[in-house]
Full PDB file with SEQRES, HELIX, SHEET, SSBOND, CRYST1, ORIGX, SCALE, CONECT and MASTER records, all heavy atoms in Angstrom:
SEQRES   1 A   42  LEU VAL ALA LEU VAL GLU GLY GLN THR LEU LYS GLN HIS          
SEQRES   2 A   42  ALA ALA ALA GLN ALA VAL SER ILE ASN THR VAL ARG THR          
SEQRES   3 A   42  GLN LEU ALA ALA LEU MET ASP LYS MET GLY CYS GLN ARG          
SEQRES   4 A   42  GLN ILE ASP                                                  
HELIX    1 AA1 VAL A    2  VAL A    5  1                                   4    
HELIX    2 AA2 LEU A   10  GLN A   17  1                                   8    
HELIX    3 AA3 ILE A   21  MET A   35  1                                  15    
CRYST1    1.000    1.000    1.000  90.00  90.00  90.00 P 1           1          
ORIGX1      1.000000  0.000000  0.000000        0.00000                         
ORIGX2      0.000000  1.000000  0.000000        0.00000                         
ORIGX3      0.000000  0.000000  1.000000        0.00000                         
SCALE1      1.000000  0.000000  0.000000        0.00000                         
SCALE2      0.000000  1.000000  0.000000        0.00000                         
SCALE3      0.000000  0.000000  1.000000        0.00000                         
ATOM      1  N   LEU A   1     -65.231  57.678 -55.891  1.00  0.00           N  
ATOM      2  CA  LEU A   1     -65.845  57.680 -54.563  1.00  0.00           C  
ATOM      3  C   LEU A   1     -64.791  57.587 -53.463  1.00  0.00           C  
ATOM      4  O   LEU A   1     -64.856  58.309 -52.468  1.00  0.00           O  
ATOM      5  CB  LEU A   1     -66.863  56.549 -54.451  1.00  0.00           C  
ATOM      6  CG  LEU A   1     -67.715  56.516 -53.193  1.00  0.00           C  
ATOM      7  CD1 LEU A   1     -68.384  57.856 -52.918  1.00  0.00           C  
ATOM      8  CD2 LEU A   1     -68.760  55.410 -53.305  1.00  0.00           C  
ATOM      9  N   VAL A   2     -63.810  56.738 -53.647  1.00  0.00           N  
ATOM     10  CA  VAL A   2     -62.715  56.636 -52.667  1.00  0.00           C  
ATOM     11  C   VAL A   2     -61.990  57.974 -52.566  1.00  0.00           C  
ATOM     12  O   VAL A   2     -61.672  58.444 -51.460  1.00  0.00           O  
ATOM     13  CB  VAL A   2     -61.738  55.500 -53.036  1.00  0.00           C  
ATOM     14  CG1 VAL A   2     -60.470  55.573 -52.194  1.00  0.00           C  
ATOM     15  CG2 VAL A   2     -62.410  54.145 -52.864  1.00  0.00           C  
ATOM     16  N   ALA A   3     -61.748  58.611 -53.693  1.00  0.00           N  
ATOM     17  CA  ALA A   3     -61.071  59.916 -53.686  1.00  0.00           C  
ATOM     18  C   ALA A   3     -61.878  60.950 -52.915  1.00  0.00           C  
ATOM     19  O   ALA A   3     -61.315  61.736 -52.137  1.00  0.00           O  
ATOM     20  CB  ALA A   3     -60.829  60.389 -55.121  1.00  0.00           C  
ATOM     21  N   LEU A   4     -63.185  60.963 -53.095  1.00  0.00           N  
ATOM     22  CA  LEU A   4     -64.033  61.897 -52.357  1.00  0.00           C  
ATOM     23  C   LEU A   4     -63.956  61.637 -50.858  1.00  0.00           C  
ATOM     24  O   LEU A   4     -63.843  62.568 -50.061  1.00  0.00           O  
ATOM     25  CB  LEU A   4     -65.483  61.798 -52.835  1.00  0.00           C  
ATOM     26  CG  LEU A   4     -65.796  62.341 -54.220  1.00  0.00           C  
ATOM     27  CD1 LEU A   4     -67.242  62.041 -54.592  1.00  0.00           C  
ATOM     28  CD2 LEU A   4     -65.517  63.824 -54.306  1.00  0.00           C  
ATOM     29  N   VAL A   5     -64.021  60.370 -50.487  1.00  0.00           N  
ATOM     30  CA  VAL A   5     -63.940  60.012 -49.067  1.00  0.00           C  
ATOM     31  C   VAL A   5     -62.605  60.459 -48.476  1.00  0.00           C  
ATOM     32  O   VAL A   5     -62.532  60.908 -47.337  1.00  0.00           O  
ATOM     33  CB  VAL A   5     -64.153  58.494 -48.863  1.00  0.00           C  
ATOM     34  CG1 VAL A   5     -63.830  58.076 -47.444  1.00  0.00           C  
ATOM     35  CG2 VAL A   5     -65.579  58.109 -49.230  1.00  0.00           C  
ATOM     36  N   GLU A   6     -61.549  60.370 -49.270  1.00  0.00           N  
ATOM     37  CA  GLU A   6     -60.216  60.764 -48.802  1.00  0.00           C  
ATOM     38  C   GLU A   6     -60.003  62.277 -48.834  1.00  0.00           C  
ATOM     39  O   GLU A   6     -58.947  62.761 -48.456  1.00  0.00           O  
ATOM     40  CB  GLU A   6     -59.146  60.060 -49.633  1.00  0.00           C  
ATOM     41  CG  GLU A   6     -59.105  58.570 -49.380  1.00  0.00           C  
ATOM     42  CD  GLU A   6     -58.122  57.821 -50.271  1.00  0.00           C  
ATOM     43  OE1 GLU A   6     -57.605  58.424 -51.237  1.00  0.00           O  
ATOM     44  OE2 GLU A   6     -57.898  56.637 -49.998  1.00  0.00           O  
ATOM     45  N   GLY A   7     -61.009  63.027 -49.301  1.00  0.00           N  
ATOM     46  CA  GLY A   7     -60.917  64.485 -49.283  1.00  0.00           C  
ATOM     47  C   GLY A   7     -60.339  65.121 -50.525  1.00  0.00           C  
ATOM     48  O   GLY A   7     -60.073  66.320 -50.535  1.00  0.00           O  
ATOM     49  N   GLN A   8     -60.136  64.336 -51.565  1.00  0.00           N  
ATOM     50  CA  GLN A   8     -59.617  64.905 -52.807  1.00  0.00           C  
ATOM     51  C   GLN A   8     -60.703  65.682 -53.526  1.00  0.00           C  
ATOM     52  O   GLN A   8     -61.888  65.346 -53.447  1.00  0.00           O  
ATOM     53  CB  GLN A   8     -59.104  63.811 -53.742  1.00  0.00           C  
ATOM     54  CG  GLN A   8     -57.853  63.123 -53.300  1.00  0.00           C  
ATOM     55  CD  GLN A   8     -57.390  62.114 -54.342  1.00  0.00           C  
ATOM     56  OE1 GLN A   8     -57.764  62.186 -55.502  1.00  0.00           O  
ATOM     57  NE2 GLN A   8     -56.583  61.171 -53.907  1.00  0.00           N  
ATOM     58  N   THR A   9     -60.288  66.703 -54.268  1.00  0.00           N  
ATOM     59  CA  THR A   9     -61.219  67.393 -55.144  1.00  0.00           C  
ATOM     60  C   THR A   9     -61.316  66.602 -56.450  1.00  0.00           C  
ATOM     61  O   THR A   9     -60.465  65.742 -56.735  1.00  0.00           O  
ATOM     62  CB  THR A   9     -60.743  68.816 -55.467  1.00  0.00           C  
ATOM     63  OG1 THR A   9     -59.526  68.734 -56.223  1.00  0.00           O  
ATOM     64  CG2 THR A   9     -60.535  69.639 -54.191  1.00  0.00           C  
ATOM     65  N   LEU A  10     -62.338  66.903 -57.227  1.00  0.00           N  
ATOM     66  CA  LEU A  10     -62.470  66.240 -58.523  1.00  0.00           C  
ATOM     67  C   LEU A  10     -61.268  66.550 -59.405  1.00  0.00           C  
ATOM     68  O   LEU A  10     -60.767  65.682 -60.123  1.00  0.00           O  
ATOM     69  CB  LEU A  10     -63.764  66.653 -59.209  1.00  0.00           C  
ATOM     70  CG  LEU A  10     -65.058  66.273 -58.496  1.00  0.00           C  
ATOM     71  CD1 LEU A  10     -66.274  66.739 -59.305  1.00  0.00           C  
ATOM     72  CD2 LEU A  10     -65.133  64.784 -58.227  1.00  0.00           C  
ATOM     73  N   LYS A  11     -60.793  67.785 -59.343  1.00  0.00           N  
ATOM     74  CA  LYS A  11     -59.631  68.190 -60.144  1.00  0.00           C  
ATOM     75  C   LYS A  11     -58.378  67.402 -59.732  1.00  0.00           C  
ATOM     76  O   LYS A  11     -57.623  66.937 -60.574  1.00  0.00           O  
ATOM     77  CB  LYS A  11     -59.402  69.692 -59.978  1.00  0.00           C  
ATOM     78  CG  LYS A  11     -58.348  70.259 -60.876  1.00  0.00           C  
ATOM     79  CD  LYS A  11     -58.265  71.771 -60.736  1.00  0.00           C  
ATOM     80  CE  LYS A  11     -57.199  72.333 -61.637  1.00  0.00           C  
ATOM     81  NZ  LYS A  11     -57.101  73.805 -61.517  1.00  0.00           N  
ATOM     82  N   GLN A  12     -58.183  67.245 -58.446  1.00  0.00           N  
ATOM     83  CA  GLN A  12     -57.028  66.466 -57.963  1.00  0.00           C  
ATOM     84  C   GLN A  12     -57.125  65.019 -58.423  1.00  0.00           C  
ATOM     85  O   GLN A  12     -56.131  64.424 -58.838  1.00  0.00           O  
ATOM     86  CB  GLN A  12     -56.940  66.527 -56.441  1.00  0.00           C  
ATOM     87  CG  GLN A  12     -56.549  67.864 -55.893  1.00  0.00           C  
ATOM     88  CD  GLN A  12     -56.739  67.953 -54.387  1.00  0.00           C  
ATOM     89  OE1 GLN A  12     -57.606  67.295 -53.804  1.00  0.00           O  
ATOM     90  NE2 GLN A  12     -55.952  68.802 -53.742  1.00  0.00           N  
ATOM     91  N   HIS A  13     -58.320  64.453 -58.323  1.00  0.00           N  
ATOM     92  CA  HIS A  13     -58.502  63.059 -58.739  1.00  0.00           C  
ATOM     93  C   HIS A  13     -58.265  62.912 -60.238  1.00  0.00           C  
ATOM     94  O   HIS A  13     -57.618  61.954 -60.668  1.00  0.00           O  
ATOM     95  CB  HIS A  13     -59.894  62.563 -58.361  1.00  0.00           C  
ATOM     96  CG  HIS A  13     -60.134  61.150 -58.775  1.00  0.00           C  
ATOM     97  ND1 HIS A  13     -59.476  60.083 -58.200  1.00  0.00           N  
ATOM     98  CD2 HIS A  13     -60.943  60.624 -59.725  1.00  0.00           C  
ATOM     99  CE1 HIS A  13     -59.874  58.960 -58.786  1.00  0.00           C  
ATOM    100  NE2 HIS A  13     -60.768  59.271 -59.709  1.00  0.00           N  
ATOM    101  N   ALA A  14     -58.771  63.844 -61.017  1.00  0.00           N  
ATOM    102  CA  ALA A  14     -58.564  63.794 -62.466  1.00  0.00           C  
ATOM    103  C   ALA A  14     -57.076  63.814 -62.796  1.00  0.00           C  
ATOM    104  O   ALA A  14     -56.599  63.020 -63.627  1.00  0.00           O  
ATOM    105  CB  ALA A  14     -59.282  64.960 -63.148  1.00  0.00           C  
ATOM    106  N   ALA A  15     -56.340  64.681 -62.129  1.00  0.00           N  
ATOM    107  CA  ALA A  15     -54.893  64.755 -62.368  1.00  0.00           C  
ATOM    108  C   ALA A  15     -54.194  63.466 -61.961  1.00  0.00           C  
ATOM    109  O   ALA A  15     -53.336  62.956 -62.677  1.00  0.00           O  
ATOM    110  CB  ALA A  15     -54.297  65.947 -61.617  1.00  0.00           C  
ATOM    111  N   ALA A  16     -54.587  62.911 -60.821  1.00  0.00           N  
ATOM    112  CA  ALA A  16     -53.964  61.678 -60.327  1.00  0.00           C  
ATOM    113  C   ALA A  16     -54.242  60.497 -61.251  1.00  0.00           C  
ATOM    114  O   ALA A  16     -53.402  59.601 -61.399  1.00  0.00           O  
ATOM    115  CB  ALA A  16     -54.460  61.367 -58.920  1.00  0.00           C  
ATOM    116  N   GLN A  17     -55.401  60.484 -61.883  1.00  0.00           N  
ATOM    117  CA  GLN A  17     -55.784  59.378 -62.773  1.00  0.00           C  
ATOM    118  C   GLN A  17     -55.428  59.657 -64.228  1.00  0.00           C  
ATOM    119  O   GLN A  17     -55.664  58.812 -65.091  1.00  0.00           O  
ATOM    120  CB  GLN A  17     -57.282  59.108 -62.654  1.00  0.00           C  
ATOM    121  CG  GLN A  17     -57.721  58.623 -61.294  1.00  0.00           C  
ATOM    122  CD  GLN A  17     -57.104  57.276 -60.954  1.00  0.00           C  
ATOM    123  OE1 GLN A  17     -57.178  56.334 -61.735  1.00  0.00           O  
ATOM    124  NE2 GLN A  17     -56.484  57.185 -59.794  1.00  0.00           N  
ATOM    125  N   ALA A  18     -54.915  60.850 -64.497  1.00  0.00           N  
ATOM    126  CA  ALA A  18     -54.552  61.270 -65.855  1.00  0.00           C  
ATOM    127  C   ALA A  18     -55.750  61.209 -66.800  1.00  0.00           C  
ATOM    128  O   ALA A  18     -55.664  60.689 -67.908  1.00  0.00           O  
ATOM    129  CB  ALA A  18     -53.377  60.448 -66.387  1.00  0.00           C  
ATOM    130  N   VAL A  19     -56.874  61.726 -66.310  1.00  0.00           N  
ATOM    131  CA  VAL A  19     -58.083  61.834 -67.132  1.00  0.00           C  
ATOM    132  C   VAL A  19     -58.572  63.278 -67.047  1.00  0.00           C  
ATOM    133  O   VAL A  19     -58.150  64.046 -66.179  1.00  0.00           O  
ATOM    134  CB  VAL A  19     -59.196  60.856 -66.677  1.00  0.00           C  
ATOM    135  CG1 VAL A  19     -58.750  59.407 -66.826  1.00  0.00           C  
ATOM    136  CG2 VAL A  19     -59.629  61.136 -65.247  1.00  0.00           C  
ATOM    137  N   SER A  20     -59.486  63.639 -67.925  1.00  0.00           N  
ATOM    138  CA  SER A  20     -59.995  65.009 -67.916  1.00  0.00           C  
ATOM    139  C   SER A  20     -60.973  65.207 -66.765  1.00  0.00           C  
ATOM    140  O   SER A  20     -61.604  64.258 -66.281  1.00  0.00           O  
ATOM    141  CB  SER A  20     -60.681  65.334 -69.241  1.00  0.00           C  
ATOM    142  OG  SER A  20     -61.970  64.758 -69.281  1.00  0.00           O  
ATOM    143  N   ILE A  21     -61.112  66.459 -66.354  1.00  0.00           N  
ATOM    144  CA  ILE A  21     -62.067  66.790 -65.308  1.00  0.00           C  
ATOM    145  C   ILE A  21     -63.479  66.453 -65.768  1.00  0.00           C  
ATOM    146  O   ILE A  21     -64.320  66.051 -64.962  1.00  0.00           O  
ATOM    147  CB  ILE A  21     -61.931  68.269 -64.871  1.00  0.00           C  
ATOM    148  CG1 ILE A  21     -62.826  68.574 -63.660  1.00  0.00           C  
ATOM    149  CG2 ILE A  21     -62.246  69.211 -66.017  1.00  0.00           C  
ATOM    150  CD1 ILE A  21     -62.431  67.905 -62.393  1.00  0.00           C  
ATOM    151  N   ASN A  22     -63.740  66.570 -67.064  1.00  0.00           N  
ATOM    152  CA  ASN A  22     -65.071  66.241 -67.577  1.00  0.00           C  
ATOM    153  C   ASN A  22     -65.373  64.754 -67.418  1.00  0.00           C  
ATOM    154  O   ASN A  22     -66.513  64.380 -67.136  1.00  0.00           O  
ATOM    155  CB  ASN A  22     -65.211  66.664 -69.034  1.00  0.00           C  
ATOM    156  CG  ASN A  22     -65.259  68.171 -69.164  1.00  0.00           C  
ATOM    157  OD1 ASN A  22     -65.713  68.864 -68.264  1.00  0.00           O  
ATOM    158  ND2 ASN A  22     -64.775  68.689 -70.272  1.00  0.00           N  
ATOM    159  N   THR A  23     -64.367  63.920 -67.587  1.00  0.00           N  
ATOM    160  CA  THR A  23     -64.545  62.479 -67.379  1.00  0.00           C  
ATOM    161  C   THR A  23     -64.928  62.210 -65.928  1.00  0.00           C  
ATOM    162  O   THR A  23     -65.854  61.443 -65.645  1.00  0.00           O  
ATOM    163  CB  THR A  23     -63.258  61.714 -67.746  1.00  0.00           C  
ATOM    164  OG1 THR A  23     -62.991  61.915 -69.124  1.00  0.00           O  
ATOM    165  CG2 THR A  23     -63.374  60.229 -67.440  1.00  0.00           C  
ATOM    166  N   VAL A  24     -64.236  62.842 -65.010  1.00  0.00           N  
ATOM    167  CA  VAL A  24     -64.519  62.646 -63.582  1.00  0.00           C  
ATOM    168  C   VAL A  24     -65.903  63.191 -63.240  1.00  0.00           C  
ATOM    169  O   VAL A  24     -66.639  62.573 -62.464  1.00  0.00           O  
ATOM    170  CB  VAL A  24     -63.416  63.279 -62.710  1.00  0.00           C  
ATOM    171  CG1 VAL A  24     -63.760  63.166 -61.233  1.00  0.00           C  
ATOM    172  CG2 VAL A  24     -62.074  62.615 -62.991  1.00  0.00           C  
ATOM    173  N   ARG A  25     -66.285  64.306 -63.821  1.00  0.00           N  
ATOM    174  CA  ARG A  25     -67.624  64.846 -63.569  1.00  0.00           C  
ATOM    175  C   ARG A  25     -68.706  63.890 -64.079  1.00  0.00           C  
ATOM    176  O   ARG A  25     -69.752  63.732 -63.443  1.00  0.00           O  
ATOM    177  CB  ARG A  25     -67.769  66.222 -64.224  1.00  0.00           C  
ATOM    178  CG  ARG A  25     -67.020  67.303 -63.481  1.00  0.00           C  
ATOM    179  CD  ARG A  25     -67.243  68.662 -64.103  1.00  0.00           C  
ATOM    180  NE  ARG A  25     -66.484  69.668 -63.390  1.00  0.00           N  
ATOM    181  CZ  ARG A  25     -65.802  70.637 -63.962  1.00  0.00           C  
ATOM    182  NH1 ARG A  25     -65.770  70.756 -65.279  1.00  0.00           N  
ATOM    183  NH2 ARG A  25     -65.150  71.514 -63.243  1.00  0.00           N  
ATOM    184  N   THR A  26     -68.448  63.261 -65.228  1.00  0.00           N  
ATOM    185  CA  THR A  26     -69.393  62.274 -65.756  1.00  0.00           C  
ATOM    186  C   THR A  26     -69.496  61.086 -64.808  1.00  0.00           C  
ATOM    187  O   THR A  26     -70.588  60.578 -64.536  1.00  0.00           O  
ATOM    188  CB  THR A  26     -68.964  61.813 -67.158  1.00  0.00           C  
ATOM    189  OG1 THR A  26     -68.939  62.960 -68.025  1.00  0.00           O  
ATOM    190  CG2 THR A  26     -69.887  60.757 -67.711  1.00  0.00           C  
ATOM    191  N   GLN A  27     -68.354  60.645 -64.285  1.00  0.00           N  
ATOM    192  CA  GLN A  27     -68.353  59.535 -63.331  1.00  0.00           C  
ATOM    193  C   GLN A  27     -69.074  59.928 -62.043  1.00  0.00           C  
ATOM    194  O   GLN A  27     -69.813  59.128 -61.465  1.00  0.00           O  
ATOM    195  CB  GLN A  27     -66.911  59.099 -63.039  1.00  0.00           C  
ATOM    196  CG  GLN A  27     -66.238  58.481 -64.247  1.00  0.00           C  
ATOM    197  CD  GLN A  27     -64.728  58.409 -64.123  1.00  0.00           C  
ATOM    198  OE1 GLN A  27     -64.108  59.110 -63.333  1.00  0.00           O  
ATOM    199  NE2 GLN A  27     -64.127  57.549 -64.948  1.00  0.00           N  
ATOM    200  N   LEU A  28     -68.894  61.167 -61.595  1.00  0.00           N  
ATOM    201  CA  LEU A  28     -69.585  61.655 -60.409  1.00  0.00           C  
ATOM    202  C   LEU A  28     -71.094  61.657 -60.637  1.00  0.00           C  
ATOM    203  O   LEU A  28     -71.852  61.239 -59.754  1.00  0.00           O  
ATOM    204  CB  LEU A  28     -69.101  63.056 -60.047  1.00  0.00           C  
ATOM    205  CG  LEU A  28     -69.816  63.729 -58.881  1.00  0.00           C  
ATOM    206  CD1 LEU A  28     -69.582  62.970 -57.583  1.00  0.00           C  
ATOM    207  CD2 LEU A  28     -69.366  65.173 -58.751  1.00  0.00           C  
ATOM    208  N   ALA A  29     -71.523  62.104 -61.804  1.00  0.00           N  
ATOM    209  CA  ALA A  29     -72.959  62.115 -62.111  1.00  0.00           C  
ATOM    210  C   ALA A  29     -73.525  60.697 -62.086  1.00  0.00           C  
ATOM    211  O   ALA A  29     -74.629  60.464 -61.568  1.00  0.00           O  
ATOM    212  CB  ALA A  29     -73.200  62.767 -63.466  1.00  0.00           C  
ATOM    213  N   ALA A  30     -72.765  59.743 -62.619  1.00  0.00           N  
ATOM    214  CA  ALA A  30     -73.205  58.344 -62.595  1.00  0.00           C  
ATOM    215  C   ALA A  30     -73.288  57.825 -61.157  1.00  0.00           C  
ATOM    216  O   ALA A  30     -74.221  57.101 -60.800  1.00  0.00           O  
ATOM    217  CB  ALA A  30     -72.263  57.479 -63.424  1.00  0.00           C  
ATOM    218  N   LEU A  31     -72.311  58.201 -60.326  1.00  0.00           N  
ATOM    219  CA  LEU A  31     -72.329  57.816 -58.907  1.00  0.00           C  
ATOM    220  C   LEU A  31     -73.586  58.335 -58.221  1.00  0.00           C  
ATOM    221  O   LEU A  31     -74.270  57.600 -57.501  1.00  0.00           O  
ATOM    222  CB  LEU A  31     -71.117  58.407 -58.181  1.00  0.00           C  
ATOM    223  CG  LEU A  31     -69.812  57.659 -58.234  1.00  0.00           C  
ATOM    224  CD1 LEU A  31     -68.693  58.521 -57.685  1.00  0.00           C  
ATOM    225  CD2 LEU A  31     -69.918  56.374 -57.464  1.00  0.00           C  
ATOM    226  N   MET A  32     -73.864  59.598 -58.437  1.00  0.00           N  
ATOM    227  CA  MET A  32     -75.031  60.205 -57.785  1.00  0.00           C  
ATOM    228  C   MET A  32     -76.318  59.530 -58.228  1.00  0.00           C  
ATOM    229  O   MET A  32     -77.210  59.287 -57.406  1.00  0.00           O  
ATOM    230  CB  MET A  32     -75.066  61.700 -58.071  1.00  0.00           C  
ATOM    231  CG  MET A  32     -73.977  62.462 -57.357  1.00  0.00           C  
ATOM    232  SD  MET A  32     -74.170  64.226 -57.581  1.00  0.00           S  
ATOM    233  CE  MET A  32     -73.067  64.835 -56.336  1.00  0.00           C  
ATOM    234  N   ASP A  33     -76.394  59.195 -59.513  1.00  0.00           N  
ATOM    235  CA  ASP A  33     -77.580  58.518 -60.020  1.00  0.00           C  
ATOM    236  C   ASP A  33     -77.705  57.114 -59.422  1.00  0.00           C  
ATOM    237  O   ASP A  33     -78.762  56.748 -58.915  1.00  0.00           O  
ATOM    238  CB  ASP A  33     -77.513  58.451 -61.546  1.00  0.00           C  
ATOM    239  CG  ASP A  33     -78.769  57.858 -62.148  1.00  0.00           C  
ATOM    240  OD1 ASP A  33     -79.869  58.340 -61.811  1.00  0.00           O  
ATOM    241  OD2 ASP A  33     -78.640  56.908 -62.948  1.00  0.00           O  
ATOM    242  N   LYS A  34     -76.635  56.345 -59.457  1.00  0.00           N  
ATOM    243  CA  LYS A  34     -76.667  54.972 -58.951  1.00  0.00           C  
ATOM    244  C   LYS A  34     -76.941  54.903 -57.453  1.00  0.00           C  
ATOM    245  O   LYS A  34     -77.600  53.979 -56.977  1.00  0.00           O  
ATOM    246  CB  LYS A  34     -75.344  54.263 -59.245  1.00  0.00           C  
ATOM    247  CG  LYS A  34     -75.156  53.897 -60.696  1.00  0.00           C  
ATOM    248  CD  LYS A  34     -73.840  53.186 -60.913  1.00  0.00           C  
ATOM    249  CE  LYS A  34     -73.665  52.795 -62.371  1.00  0.00           C  
ATOM    250  NZ  LYS A  34     -72.398  52.074 -62.597  1.00  0.00           N  
ATOM    251  N   MET A  35     -76.409  55.888 -56.725  1.00  0.00           N  
ATOM    252  CA  MET A  35     -76.532  55.848 -55.269  1.00  0.00           C  
ATOM    253  C   MET A  35     -77.689  56.702 -54.758  1.00  0.00           C  
ATOM    254  O   MET A  35     -77.937  56.763 -53.558  1.00  0.00           O  
ATOM    255  CB  MET A  35     -75.204  56.267 -54.632  1.00  0.00           C  
ATOM    256  CG  MET A  35     -74.083  55.271 -54.948  1.00  0.00           C  
ATOM    257  SD  MET A  35     -72.449  55.797 -54.393  1.00  0.00           S  
ATOM    258  CE  MET A  35     -72.632  55.743 -52.619  1.00  0.00           C  
ATOM    259  N   GLY A  36     -78.397  57.355 -55.666  1.00  0.00           N  
ATOM    260  CA  GLY A  36     -79.565  58.141 -55.289  1.00  0.00           C  
ATOM    261  C   GLY A  36     -79.244  59.354 -54.439  1.00  0.00           C  
ATOM    262  O   GLY A  36     -79.999  59.683 -53.525  1.00  0.00           O  
ATOM    263  N   CYS A  37     -78.137  60.007 -54.737  1.00  0.00           N  
ATOM    264  CA  CYS A  37     -77.698  61.163 -53.948  1.00  0.00           C  
ATOM    265  C   CYS A  37     -77.758  62.445 -54.773  1.00  0.00           C  
ATOM    266  O   CYS A  37     -77.594  62.415 -55.990  1.00  0.00           O  
ATOM    267  CB  CYS A  37     -76.265  60.960 -53.461  1.00  0.00           C  
ATOM    268  SG  CYS A  37     -76.084  59.598 -52.309  1.00  0.00           S  
ATOM    269  N   GLN A  38     -77.940  63.551 -54.075  1.00  0.00           N  
ATOM    270  CA  GLN A  38     -77.951  64.870 -54.712  1.00  0.00           C  
ATOM    271  C   GLN A  38     -76.670  65.659 -54.424  1.00  0.00           C  
ATOM    272  O   GLN A  38     -76.356  66.588 -55.140  1.00  0.00           O  
ATOM    273  CB  GLN A  38     -79.146  65.687 -54.219  1.00  0.00           C  
ATOM    274  CG  GLN A  38     -80.482  65.060 -54.534  1.00  0.00           C  
ATOM    275  CD  GLN A  38     -80.752  65.022 -56.020  1.00  0.00           C  
ATOM    276  OE1 GLN A  38     -80.493  65.985 -56.721  1.00  0.00           O  
ATOM    277  NE2 GLN A  38     -81.247  63.896 -56.498  1.00  0.00           N  
ATOM    278  N   ARG A  39     -75.976  65.284 -53.344  1.00  0.00           N  
ATOM    279  CA  ARG A  39     -74.784  66.025 -52.927  1.00  0.00           C  
ATOM    280  C   ARG A  39     -73.617  65.068 -52.719  1.00  0.00           C  
ATOM    281  O   ARG A  39     -73.802  63.907 -52.364  1.00  0.00           O  
ATOM    282  CB  ARG A  39     -75.055  66.775 -51.624  1.00  0.00           C  
ATOM    283  CG  ARG A  39     -76.204  67.768 -51.731  1.00  0.00           C  
ATOM    284  CD  ARG A  39     -76.526  68.437 -50.414  1.00  0.00           C  
ATOM    285  NE  ARG A  39     -76.758  67.452 -49.368  1.00  0.00           N  
ATOM    286  CZ  ARG A  39     -76.678  67.696 -48.067  1.00  0.00           C  
ATOM    287  NH1 ARG A  39     -76.375  68.896 -47.644  1.00  0.00           N  
ATOM    288  NH2 ARG A  39     -76.903  66.757 -47.185  1.00  0.00           N  
ATOM    289  N   GLN A  40     -72.405  65.598 -52.913  1.00  0.00           N  
ATOM    290  CA  GLN A  40     -71.212  64.784 -52.735  1.00  0.00           C  
ATOM    291  C   GLN A  40     -71.078  64.281 -51.303  1.00  0.00           C  
ATOM    292  O   GLN A  40     -70.668  63.149 -51.084  1.00  0.00           O  
ATOM    293  CB  GLN A  40     -69.960  65.581 -53.126  1.00  0.00           C  
ATOM    294  CG  GLN A  40     -69.854  65.839 -54.613  1.00  0.00           C  
ATOM    295  CD  GLN A  40     -68.606  66.595 -54.973  1.00  0.00           C  
ATOM    296  OE1 GLN A  40     -67.607  66.577 -54.254  1.00  0.00           O  
ATOM    297  NE2 GLN A  40     -68.644  67.287 -56.105  1.00  0.00           N  
ATOM    298  N   ILE A  41     -71.448  65.087 -50.337  1.00  0.00           N  
ATOM    299  CA  ILE A  41     -71.337  64.662 -48.942  1.00  0.00           C  
ATOM    300  C   ILE A  41     -72.213  63.448 -48.670  1.00  0.00           C  
ATOM    301  O   ILE A  41     -71.865  62.579 -47.870  1.00  0.00           O  
ATOM    302  CB  ILE A  41     -71.640  65.826 -47.959  1.00  0.00           C  
ATOM    303  CG1 ILE A  41     -71.315  65.424 -46.518  1.00  0.00           C  
ATOM    304  CG2 ILE A  41     -73.089  66.267 -48.061  1.00  0.00           C  
ATOM    305  CD1 ILE A  41     -69.864  65.188 -46.260  1.00  0.00           C  
ATOM    306  N   ASP A  42     -73.346  63.368 -49.353  1.00  0.00           N  
ATOM    307  CA  ASP A  42     -74.212  62.197 -49.180  1.00  0.00           C  
ATOM    308  C   ASP A  42     -73.556  60.937 -49.742  1.00  0.00           C  
ATOM    309  O   ASP A  42     -73.697  59.852 -49.190  1.00  0.00           O  
ATOM    310  CB  ASP A  42     -75.568  62.428 -49.829  1.00  0.00           C  
ATOM    311  CG  ASP A  42     -76.349  63.548 -49.154  1.00  0.00           C  
ATOM    312  OD1 ASP A  42     -76.153  63.749 -47.934  1.00  0.00           O  
ATOM    313  OD2 ASP A  42     -77.118  64.240 -49.845  1.00  0.00           O  
TER     314      ASP A  42                                                      
MASTER        0    0    0    3    0    0    0    6  313    1    0    4          
END                                                                             
């Protein structure tokens, strides 16, 4: 979430954290579910 706020792409964040893009996408899906959002901008 901090990375999104700072304007990073998921791919950039994955590289910075040394994790796969699929891991970050899974985390993004969990964020959207927990926060009740449909879009990253929300």
